[in-house]
Amino acid sequence: GKTLQEAKALMGTRLGGGANEGEAVRTFDHIDDGDIPDEFDARAQWPGLIHPIRNQEKCGSCWAFGAVESLGDRFAIATNASSPVLSPEDLVSCDELSLGCLGGFISMAWRYIESVGVVTERCFPYAAGEGNAPPCPPKGQCVSKSAEYKKYRTSDHYRLDTVEDIQKAIMTGGPVEGGFEVHQSFMHYKSGVYSREWWKFWDPELGGHAIKVIGWGNQNGTDYWLVANSWGTDWGLDGYFKIKKGVNECDIESSVYAGDPLLA
């Protein structure tokens, strides 16, 4: 397990604080709520197109991982072809509105993706794992000389405000990024559907964390979101976890963002 200090260093997402204000909210009213399936897993829906679990290591860069991992999946789904792993380091090192390994806002990450775009992992490999972000390379250049320089962008970015719109966004366009408040009990997660009910008496809050939501389901009568974490495959359910859905558990439904890939 991780020490409290190590755990706190991973909580790099700044929730609320006015960052959601003025952000466009996307609704999917054209899809009937009755058409939302009881369970959904992006990995089963789009085999081979959902990118593997990654590891942010000792840097509070979850906000960047959640964004580029969702974006990479959305590009693969939009083109119906496997797409390259995208670079969280681009956001960590180059997005001046965020604080690198000390954290960032989810909305700002998507604003950067829309306005500037991110390169591939091959172009700018993740190097902030020890907690220090390398400098942003000169514009138009890859750190790796053998890689092609190309920015992956979206045509827009938006917040998803309701459980149903989060579900519709995932089932039509692919995974989305969400943020939630991590309490100490979450660090002990191994399996099942996480909720804080049993822990409320002593369960300090460690900070905000960003993740990639890839689906939902119901386990033993409890509705859950299916979520990809960025703490490697040794953690949780091979890197994934389930968290109670529909009750805004730990604010999981309050800061959900996505964008539509800008296809050339």
Protein backbone atom coordinates (compact mmCIF):
# COMPACT_ATOMS: atom_id res chain seq x y z
CA GLY A 1 0.00 0.00 0.00
CA LYS A 2 0.90 3.65 -0.27
CA THR A 3 1.72 5.97 2.60
CA LEU A 4 -0.56 8.94 3.19
CA GLN A 5 2.03 11.31 1.69
CA GLU A 6 2.48 9.13 -1.39
CA ALA A 7 -1.27 8.89 -1.82
CA LYS A 8 -1.78 12.64 -1.48
CA ALA A 9 0.87 13.29 -4.13
CA LEU A 10 -1.25 11.35 -6.62
CA MET A 11 -4.33 13.52 -6.08
CA GLY A 12 -3.68 16.06 -8.77
CA THR A 13 -7.17 17.10 -9.74
CA ARG A 14 -8.58 20.39 -8.58
CA LEU A 15 -12.33 20.04 -8.39
CA GLY A 16 -14.90 22.82 -8.52
CA GLY A 17 -13.58 26.22 -7.56
CA GLY A 18 -15.43 27.88 -10.39
CA ALA A 19 -13.61 25.89 -13.06
CA ASN A 20 -16.94 24.43 -14.21
CA GLU A 21 -18.57 27.82 -14.61
CA GLY A 22 -19.16 28.95 -18.15
CA GLU A 23 -18.32 25.53 -19.57
CA ALA A 24 -20.73 24.32 -22.24
CA VAL A 25 -22.98 21.49 -21.10
CA ARG A 26 -23.78 18.83 -23.71
CA THR A 27 -27.16 17.12 -23.66
CA PHE A 28 -28.24 14.05 -25.60
CA ASP A 29 -31.99 14.60 -25.60
CA HIS A 30 -32.25 13.03 -29.07
CA ILE A 31 -31.52 9.65 -27.45
CA ASP A 32 -34.38 8.17 -25.45
CA ASP A 33 -33.47 7.34 -21.84
CA GLY A 34 -35.12 3.97 -22.46
CA ASP A 35 -32.43 3.18 -25.03
CA ILE A 36 -29.66 3.26 -22.41
CA PRO A 37 -28.63 -0.37 -21.80
CA ASP A 38 -28.52 -1.77 -18.25
CA GLU A 39 -24.84 -2.48 -18.64
CA PHE A 40 -22.13 -1.20 -20.93
CA ASP A 41 -18.40 -1.82 -21.25
CA ALA A 42 -16.50 0.15 -23.90
CA ARG A 43 -13.95 -2.70 -24.14
CA ALA A 44 -16.69 -5.11 -25.21
CA GLN A 45 -18.45 -2.56 -27.45
CA TRP A 46 -15.28 -1.58 -29.32
CA PRO A 47 -12.88 -4.54 -29.05
CA GLY A 48 -9.23 -3.64 -29.47
CA LEU A 49 -9.87 0.11 -29.57
CA ILE A 50 -9.78 0.97 -25.86
CA HIS A 51 -6.25 1.84 -24.74
CA PRO A 52 -4.57 -0.11 -21.92
CA ILE A 53 -4.20 0.96 -18.28
CA ARG A 54 -1.27 3.27 -17.62
CA ASN A 55 0.64 4.42 -14.54
CA GLN A 56 1.10 8.07 -13.55
CA GLU A 57 3.63 6.96 -10.90
CA LYS A 58 4.63 9.66 -8.37
CA CYS A 59 3.24 12.68 -10.23
CA GLY A 60 -0.17 14.29 -9.66
CA SER A 61 -0.91 14.05 -13.38
CA CYS A 62 -4.18 12.09 -13.24
CA TRP A 63 -5.99 15.06 -14.81
CA ALA A 64 -3.79 14.69 -17.90
CA PHE A 65 -4.04 10.90 -18.10
CA GLY A 66 -7.83 10.89 -17.82
CA ALA A 67 -8.04 13.42 -20.63
CA VAL A 68 -5.64 11.91 -23.17
CA GLU A 69 -6.77 8.35 -22.47
CA SER A 70 -10.39 9.29 -23.14
CA LEU A 71 -9.32 11.28 -26.20
CA GLY A 72 -7.27 8.39 -27.61
CA ASP A 73 -10.20 6.01 -27.22
CA ARG A 74 -12.53 8.51 -28.87
CA PHE A 75 -10.21 8.87 -31.87
CA ALA A 76 -10.01 5.09 -32.25
CA ILE A 77 -13.80 4.78 -32.04
CA ALA A 78 -14.45 7.69 -34.43
CA THR A 79 -12.11 6.23 -37.06
CA ASN A 80 -12.90 2.57 -36.20
CA ALA A 81 -9.17 1.86 -36.19
CA SER A 82 -6.59 1.50 -33.44
CA SER A 83 -5.06 4.87 -32.68
CA PRO A 84 -1.72 5.72 -31.09
CA VAL A 85 -1.37 6.19 -27.35
CA LEU A 86 -1.52 9.93 -26.72
CA SER A 87 0.88 11.92 -24.56
CA PRO A 88 -0.13 12.97 -21.04
CA GLU A 89 3.31 14.59 -20.83
CA ASP A 90 2.22 17.13 -23.46
CA LEU A 91 -0.43 18.40 -21.03
CA VAL A 92 1.77 18.10 -17.93
CA SER A 93 4.74 19.95 -19.47
CA CYS A 94 3.09 22.32 -21.94
CA ASP A 95 -0.33 23.36 -20.59
CA GLU A 96 0.50 26.62 -18.83
CA LEU A 97 -2.95 26.90 -17.23
CA SER A 98 -2.23 23.83 -15.11
CA LEU A 99 0.40 22.99 -12.53
CA GLY A 100 2.01 19.88 -13.99
CA CYS A 101 2.65 17.26 -11.32
CA LEU A 102 0.96 19.49 -8.74
CA GLY A 103 -2.34 19.12 -10.53
CA GLY A 104 -4.79 20.65 -12.95
CA PHE A 105 -8.44 21.24 -13.74
CA ILE A 106 -10.24 18.75 -15.97
CA SER A 107 -12.00 21.55 -17.83
CA MET A 108 -8.66 23.27 -18.57
CA ALA A 109 -7.20 20.02 -19.92
CA TRP A 110 -10.04 19.74 -22.43
CA ARG A 111 -9.73 23.43 -23.31
CA TYR A 112 -6.04 22.80 -24.13
CA ILE A 113 -6.94 19.71 -26.18
CA GLU A 114 -9.44 21.74 -28.22
CA SER A 115 -7.25 24.80 -28.74
CA VAL A 116 -3.73 23.29 -28.94
CA GLY A 117 -4.07 19.51 -29.11
CA VAL A 118 -1.76 16.78 -27.81
CA VAL A 119 0.93 14.75 -29.54
CA THR A 120 1.47 10.99 -29.37
CA GLU A 121 3.26 9.18 -26.55
CA ARG A 122 6.02 8.30 -29.04
CA CYS A 123 6.52 11.98 -29.85
CA PHE A 124 6.66 13.11 -26.19
CA PRO A 125 7.06 10.09 -23.85
CA TYR A 126 5.90 10.28 -20.25
CA ALA A 127 8.88 11.32 -18.12
CA ALA A 128 7.29 12.94 -15.05
CA GLY A 129 6.92 9.72 -13.08
CA GLU A 130 9.33 10.84 -10.37
CA GLY A 131 7.33 14.02 -9.82
CA ASN A 132 9.21 16.48 -12.03
CA ALA A 133 7.95 17.39 -15.48
CA PRO A 134 10.52 17.86 -18.26
CA PRO A 135 10.40 21.15 -20.19
CA CYS A 136 7.99 21.54 -23.08
CA PRO A 137 9.83 20.90 -26.37
CA PRO A 138 9.96 23.64 -29.03
CA LYS A 139 6.74 23.97 -31.02
CA GLY A 140 6.46 21.48 -33.85
CA GLN A 141 9.17 19.17 -32.50
CA CYS A 142 9.04 15.72 -30.98
CA VAL A 143 11.39 14.68 -28.18
CA SER A 144 11.85 11.41 -30.03
CA LYS A 145 13.43 12.19 -33.39
CA SER A 146 11.92 9.10 -35.03
CA ALA A 147 8.34 10.08 -34.21
CA GLU A 148 5.95 12.01 -36.42
CA TYR A 149 4.76 15.36 -35.05
CA LYS A 150 0.98 15.55 -35.10
CA LYS A 151 -1.50 17.21 -32.77
CA TYR A 152 -4.70 15.39 -31.83
CA ARG A 153 -7.49 17.87 -31.11
CA THR A 154 -11.22 18.07 -30.56
CA SER A 155 -13.74 20.27 -32.33
CA ASP A 156 -15.26 21.21 -28.97
CA HIS A 157 -15.28 20.27 -25.30
CA TYR A 158 -18.19 20.02 -22.92
CA ARG A 159 -19.36 19.04 -19.48
CA LEU A 160 -21.89 16.26 -18.91
CA ASP A 161 -24.36 17.20 -16.23
CA THR A 162 -26.67 14.22 -15.71
CA VAL A 163 -26.19 10.50 -15.19
CA GLU A 164 -28.12 9.82 -18.40
CA ASP A 165 -26.06 12.25 -20.48
CA ILE A 166 -22.83 10.73 -19.15
CA GLN A 167 -24.12 7.30 -20.22
CA LYS A 168 -25.26 8.51 -23.66
CA ALA A 169 -21.94 10.26 -24.27
CA ILE A 170 -20.03 7.06 -23.48
CA MET A 171 -22.27 4.73 -25.52
CA THR A 172 -22.17 6.98 -28.60
CA GLY A 173 -18.67 8.50 -28.57
CA GLY A 174 -16.60 6.50 -26.12
CA PRO A 175 -15.04 6.98 -22.67
CA VAL A 176 -15.15 10.31 -20.84
CA GLU A 177 -13.03 11.90 -18.12
CA GLY A 178 -14.40 12.35 -14.62
CA GLY A 179 -13.10 13.62 -11.29
CA PHE A 180 -13.94 12.61 -7.74
CA GLU A 181 -12.90 13.12 -4.14
CA VAL A 182 -10.63 10.35 -2.90
CA HIS A 183 -10.92 9.31 0.73
CA GLN A 184 -8.52 7.01 2.49
CA SER A 185 -10.93 4.07 2.18
CA PHE A 186 -10.54 4.19 -1.61
CA MET A 187 -6.85 3.37 -1.29
CA HIS A 188 -7.85 -0.04 0.08
CA TYR A 189 -10.04 -0.87 -2.92
CA LYS A 190 -9.60 -4.41 -4.24
CA SER A 191 -12.91 -5.41 -5.85
CA GLY A 192 -16.67 -4.92 -5.72
CA VAL A 193 -18.51 -1.60 -5.93
CA TYR A 194 -16.82 1.15 -3.95
CA SER A 195 -18.88 3.47 -1.77
CA ARG A 196 -18.04 5.27 1.43
CA GLU A 197 -21.04 4.10 3.46
CA TRP A 198 -19.06 1.82 5.74
CA TRP A 199 -16.19 4.25 6.25
CA LYS A 200 -17.88 7.50 7.10
CA PHE A 201 -16.81 7.73 10.73
CA TRP A 202 -13.09 7.92 10.02
CA ASP A 203 -12.16 8.45 6.43
CA PRO A 204 -10.02 11.51 5.72
CA GLU A 205 -10.17 13.12 2.31
CA LEU A 206 -6.91 12.95 0.36
CA GLY A 207 -7.85 15.19 -2.58
CA GLY A 208 -9.29 15.19 -6.07
CA HIS A 209 -8.48 12.50 -8.61
CA ALA A 210 -9.28 12.20 -12.32
CA ILE A 211 -10.07 9.00 -14.16
CA LYS A 212 -11.58 7.58 -17.37
CA VAL A 213 -15.16 6.28 -17.21
CA ILE A 214 -15.70 3.44 -19.69
CA GLY A 215 -19.08 1.99 -18.77
CA TRP A 216 -21.59 0.97 -16.12
CA GLY A 217 -23.49 -1.99 -14.73
CA ASN A 218 -25.13 -3.49 -11.67
CA GLN A 219 -23.52 -5.84 -9.16
CA ASN A 220 -25.66 -7.53 -6.51
CA GLY A 221 -28.28 -4.81 -6.80
CA THR A 222 -25.88 -1.85 -6.74
CA ASP A 223 -25.53 0.34 -9.83
CA TYR A 224 -21.93 1.24 -10.63
CA TRP A 225 -19.69 3.13 -13.03
CA LEU A 226 -16.87 1.10 -14.59
CA VAL A 227 -13.71 3.18 -14.40
CA ALA A 228 -10.11 2.99 -15.62
CA ASN A 229 -7.56 4.28 -13.11
CA SER A 230 -3.97 5.36 -13.91
CA TRP A 231 -2.16 3.54 -11.11
CA GLY A 232 -0.97 0.55 -13.14
CA THR A 233 -2.53 -2.89 -13.57
CA ASP A 234 -1.49 -4.16 -10.13
CA TRP A 235 -4.07 -1.88 -8.51
CA GLY A 236 -7.78 -2.76 -8.10
CA LEU A 237 -9.38 -4.91 -10.79
CA ASP A 238 -6.36 -5.10 -13.13
CA GLY A 239 -6.23 -1.31 -12.99
CA TYR A 240 -10.00 -0.71 -13.11
CA PHE A 241 -12.57 -0.11 -10.38
CA LYS A 242 -16.32 0.13 -9.86
CA ILE A 243 -17.88 3.01 -7.95
CA LYS A 244 -21.51 3.48 -6.94
CA LYS A 245 -23.55 5.18 -9.68
CA GLY A 246 -26.51 7.55 -9.52
CA VAL A 247 -25.93 9.10 -6.09
CA ASN A 248 -22.96 11.33 -7.00
CA GLU A 249 -20.72 9.13 -4.84
CA CYS A 250 -17.65 11.21 -3.84
CA ASP A 251 -18.75 13.78 -6.47
CA ILE A 252 -18.01 11.31 -9.29
CA GLU A 253 -20.86 12.76 -11.38
CA SER A 254 -19.99 16.45 -10.85
CA SER A 255 -16.94 16.99 -13.10
CA VAL A 256 -17.37 14.87 -16.21
CA TYR A 257 -15.92 16.14 -19.49
CA ALA A 258 -15.36 15.03 -23.05
CA GLY A 259 -14.86 16.37 -26.55
CA ASP A 260 -15.47 15.19 -30.11
CA PRO A 261 -12.35 14.25 -32.09
CA LEU A 262 -11.38 16.64 -34.85
CA LEU A 263 -10.90 14.33 -37.81
CA ALA A 264 -8.67 15.50 -40.64
